[in-house]
N, C-alpha and C. Protein backbone atom coordinates (compact mmCIF):
# COMPACT_ATOMS: atom_id res chain seq x y z
N MET A 1 -0.02 -0.54 8.93
CA MET A 1 -0.40 -0.20 7.41
C MET A 1 1.06 -0.10 6.76
N LYS A 2 0.88 -1.01 5.59
CA LYS A 2 1.92 -1.17 4.52
C LYS A 2 1.68 -0.51 3.16
N LYS A 3 2.93 0.25 2.69
CA LYS A 3 2.73 1.10 1.40
C LYS A 3 4.26 0.81 0.41
N THR A 4 3.89 0.82 -0.64
CA THR A 4 5.06 0.61 -1.61
C THR A 4 5.15 1.55 -2.33
N TYR A 5 6.88 2.02 -2.37
CA TYR A 5 7.16 3.16 -2.96
C TYR A 5 7.93 2.89 -4.03
N LYS A 6 8.31 3.78 -5.24
CA LYS A 6 8.98 3.21 -6.46
C LYS A 6 10.44 4.24 -5.97
N ILE A 7 11.64 3.25 -6.41
CA ILE A 7 12.67 4.10 -5.81
C ILE A 7 13.64 4.03 -6.93
N GLU A 8 14.84 4.87 -7.03
CA GLU A 8 16.03 4.95 -7.86
C GLU A 8 17.30 4.44 -6.78
N VAL A 9 17.93 3.62 -7.41
CA VAL A 9 19.24 3.47 -6.88
C VAL A 9 20.16 2.41 -7.92
N ASP A 10 21.06 2.71 -7.87
CA ASP A 10 21.93 2.21 -8.99
C ASP A 10 22.69 0.76 -8.83
N CYS A 11 22.64 0.47 -7.79
CA CYS A 11 23.12 -1.17 -7.43
C CYS A 11 22.30 -2.01 -6.21
N ALA A 12 22.71 -3.14 -6.24
CA ALA A 12 22.06 -3.81 -5.53
C ALA A 12 22.72 -3.72 -3.77
N ASN A 13 23.87 -3.56 -4.03
CA ASN A 13 24.40 -3.25 -2.72
C ASN A 13 23.83 -1.76 -2.08
N CYS A 14 24.05 -0.97 -2.54
CA CYS A 14 23.13 0.36 -2.46
C CYS A 14 21.49 0.32 -2.03
N ALA A 15 20.97 -0.53 -2.40
CA ALA A 15 19.71 -1.07 -2.30
C ALA A 15 19.66 -1.77 -1.04
N ASN A 16 20.74 -2.53 -0.70
CA ASN A 16 20.55 -3.07 0.64
C ASN A 16 20.94 -2.01 1.97
N LYS A 17 21.67 -1.10 1.66
CA LYS A 17 22.03 -0.08 2.44
C LYS A 17 20.96 0.85 2.79
N MET A 18 20.02 0.90 1.66
CA MET A 18 18.93 1.58 1.81
C MET A 18 17.83 0.90 2.72
N GLU A 19 17.56 -0.40 2.59
CA GLU A 19 16.76 -1.15 3.19
C GLU A 19 17.22 -1.03 4.98
N THR A 20 18.51 -1.32 5.05
CA THR A 20 19.23 -1.21 6.09
C THR A 20 18.56 0.07 7.23
N ALA A 21 18.91 1.31 6.05
CA ALA A 21 18.66 2.56 6.74
C ALA A 21 17.33 2.71 7.21
N ALA A 22 16.21 2.23 6.31
CA ALA A 22 14.83 2.08 6.17
C ALA A 22 14.18 1.41 7.70
N LYS A 23 14.89 0.42 7.93
CA LYS A 23 14.63 -0.21 9.17
C LYS A 23 15.09 0.18 10.43
N LYS A 24 15.87 1.18 10.24
CA LYS A 24 16.31 1.77 11.48
C LYS A 24 15.73 2.85 11.92
N THR A 25 14.85 3.30 10.87
CA THR A 25 13.99 4.75 11.23
C THR A 25 12.78 4.31 11.88
N GLU A 26 12.74 5.24 12.99
CA GLU A 26 11.77 5.38 13.97
C GLU A 26 10.02 5.44 13.35
N GLY A 27 9.46 4.59 13.41
CA GLY A 27 8.02 4.50 13.09
C GLY A 27 8.15 3.21 11.95
N VAL A 28 9.26 2.78 11.47
CA VAL A 28 9.22 1.67 10.70
C VAL A 28 9.12 -0.03 11.48
N LYS A 29 8.35 -0.62 11.40
CA LYS A 29 8.29 -1.84 11.62
C LYS A 29 9.05 -2.83 11.10
N ASP A 30 8.63 -2.62 9.36
CA ASP A 30 10.02 -3.58 8.59
C ASP A 30 9.82 -2.65 7.48
N ALA A 31 11.35 -3.27 6.62
CA ALA A 31 11.19 -2.62 5.51
C ALA A 31 11.73 -3.69 4.46
N VAL A 32 11.45 -3.51 3.13
CA VAL A 32 12.25 -4.58 2.05
C VAL A 32 12.35 -3.87 1.11
N VAL A 33 13.43 -3.74 0.25
CA VAL A 33 13.88 -2.97 -0.96
C VAL A 33 14.20 -4.34 -2.14
N ASN A 34 13.58 -4.10 -3.10
CA ASN A 34 13.69 -5.17 -4.32
C ASN A 34 14.45 -4.21 -5.35
N PHE A 35 15.78 -4.70 -5.38
CA PHE A 35 16.51 -3.81 -6.47
C PHE A 35 16.04 -4.01 -7.99
N MET A 36 15.59 -5.02 -8.23
CA MET A 36 15.15 -5.90 -9.66
C MET A 36 13.44 -5.10 -9.87
N THR A 37 12.88 -4.83 -9.26
CA THR A 37 11.73 -4.04 -9.32
C THR A 37 11.60 -2.57 -9.29
N LEU A 38 12.54 -2.40 -8.00
CA LEU A 38 12.95 -0.72 -7.81
C LEU A 38 11.66 -0.46 -6.99
N LYS A 39 11.71 -1.09 -6.20
CA LYS A 39 10.47 -0.80 -5.24
C LYS A 39 10.87 -1.01 -3.74
N MET A 40 10.36 -0.13 -2.74
CA MET A 40 10.43 -0.27 -1.41
C MET A 40 9.34 -0.60 -0.54
N SER A 41 9.24 -1.49 0.02
CA SER A 41 7.88 -1.84 0.69
C SER A 41 8.19 -1.47 2.22
N VAL A 42 7.46 -0.74 2.78
CA VAL A 42 7.34 -0.39 4.24
C VAL A 42 6.26 -0.42 4.96
N GLU A 43 6.70 -1.41 6.20
CA GLU A 43 5.23 -1.32 7.18
C GLU A 43 5.66 -0.48 8.20
N PHE A 44 4.43 0.41 8.73
CA PHE A 44 4.59 1.44 9.68
C PHE A 44 4.23 0.68 10.79
N GLU A 45 4.90 1.26 11.82
CA GLU A 45 4.46 0.98 13.17
C GLU A 45 3.03 1.77 13.63
N ASP A 46 2.29 0.91 14.33
CA ASP A 46 0.91 1.96 14.70
C ASP A 46 1.12 3.31 15.35
N GLY A 47 0.06 4.06 14.94
CA GLY A 47 0.21 5.48 15.48
C GLY A 47 1.25 6.55 14.68
N TYR A 48 1.87 6.19 13.77
CA TYR A 48 2.93 6.92 12.99
C TYR A 48 2.14 7.41 11.80
N ASP A 49 2.60 8.60 11.42
CA ASP A 49 2.06 8.89 10.14
C ASP A 49 2.85 8.68 9.04
N PRO A 50 2.46 8.02 8.07
CA PRO A 50 3.35 7.30 7.20
C PRO A 50 4.07 8.43 6.28
N LYS A 51 3.81 9.51 6.08
CA LYS A 51 4.07 10.80 5.20
C LYS A 51 5.42 11.33 6.02
N GLU A 52 5.07 11.37 7.10
CA GLU A 52 6.27 11.91 8.16
C GLU A 52 7.53 11.12 8.12
N VAL A 53 7.22 9.81 8.28
CA VAL A 53 8.01 8.86 8.71
C VAL A 53 8.88 8.40 7.51
N MET A 54 8.17 8.62 5.92
CA MET A 54 8.79 8.46 5.15
C MET A 54 9.83 9.69 4.68
N GLN A 55 9.42 10.98 5.33
CA GLN A 55 10.75 12.04 4.92
C GLN A 55 11.81 11.39 5.87
N ARG A 56 11.70 11.15 7.09
CA ARG A 56 12.72 10.53 7.74
C ARG A 56 13.54 9.26 7.00
N VAL A 57 13.09 8.54 6.57
CA VAL A 57 13.48 7.26 5.83
C VAL A 57 14.19 7.66 4.88
N LEU A 58 13.79 8.51 3.91
CA LEU A 58 14.40 9.30 2.75
C LEU A 58 15.55 10.11 3.14
N LYS A 59 15.55 10.76 4.18
CA LYS A 59 16.73 11.55 4.97
C LYS A 59 17.79 10.44 5.45
N ASN A 60 17.37 9.56 5.88
CA ASN A 60 18.35 8.12 6.18
C ASN A 60 18.94 7.58 5.23
N CYS A 61 18.28 7.34 4.23
CA CYS A 61 18.51 6.75 3.26
C CYS A 61 19.80 7.55 2.42
N LYS A 62 19.54 8.81 2.26
CA LYS A 62 20.16 9.57 1.49
C LYS A 62 22.11 9.82 2.24
N LYS A 63 21.57 9.66 3.54
CA LYS A 63 23.23 9.32 4.64
C LYS A 63 24.08 8.16 3.81
N VAL A 64 23.38 7.07 3.74
CA VAL A 64 24.20 6.16 3.25
C VAL A 64 24.17 5.83 1.80
N GLU A 65 23.52 6.68 1.00
CA GLU A 65 23.53 6.70 -0.72
C GLU A 65 22.85 7.68 -0.91
N ASP A 66 23.83 8.44 -1.17
CA ASP A 66 23.58 10.01 -1.71
C ASP A 66 22.66 10.21 -2.47
N ASP A 67 22.84 9.39 -3.81
CA ASP A 67 22.27 9.53 -5.22
C ASP A 67 20.95 8.60 -5.38
N CYS A 68 20.41 8.29 -4.16
CA CYS A 68 19.48 7.41 -4.08
C CYS A 68 18.12 8.25 -4.41
N GLU A 69 17.01 7.83 -4.56
CA GLU A 69 15.40 8.50 -4.56
C GLU A 69 14.53 7.67 -4.30
N ILE A 70 13.54 8.14 -3.08
CA ILE A 70 12.46 7.50 -3.26
C ILE A 70 10.96 8.33 -3.68
N TYR A 71 10.23 7.94 -4.50
CA TYR A 71 9.38 8.42 -5.15
C TYR A 71 7.80 8.54 -4.30
N LEU A 72 7.99 9.45 -3.23
CA LEU A 72 6.89 9.46 -2.20
C LEU A 72 5.47 10.24 -2.77
N LYS A 73 4.29 9.23 -2.47
CA LYS A 73 3.16 9.47 -2.90
C LYS A 73 2.48 10.49 -2.50
């Protein structure tokens, strides 16, 4: 399953940090952050609840970029 989320981040380098943090999160198969459109596309591993995984993704992203935001649907 793949979902796209609106994000808020200040610079391209920070967006890259968010992408790396998201990819390392359990339950995430792949993640791509597009700084120009301020969107994050996340592909989830089978058997994981996207809502729970995205809570972990947000927590991990906040560790590397504390003023970032992911608008969870």
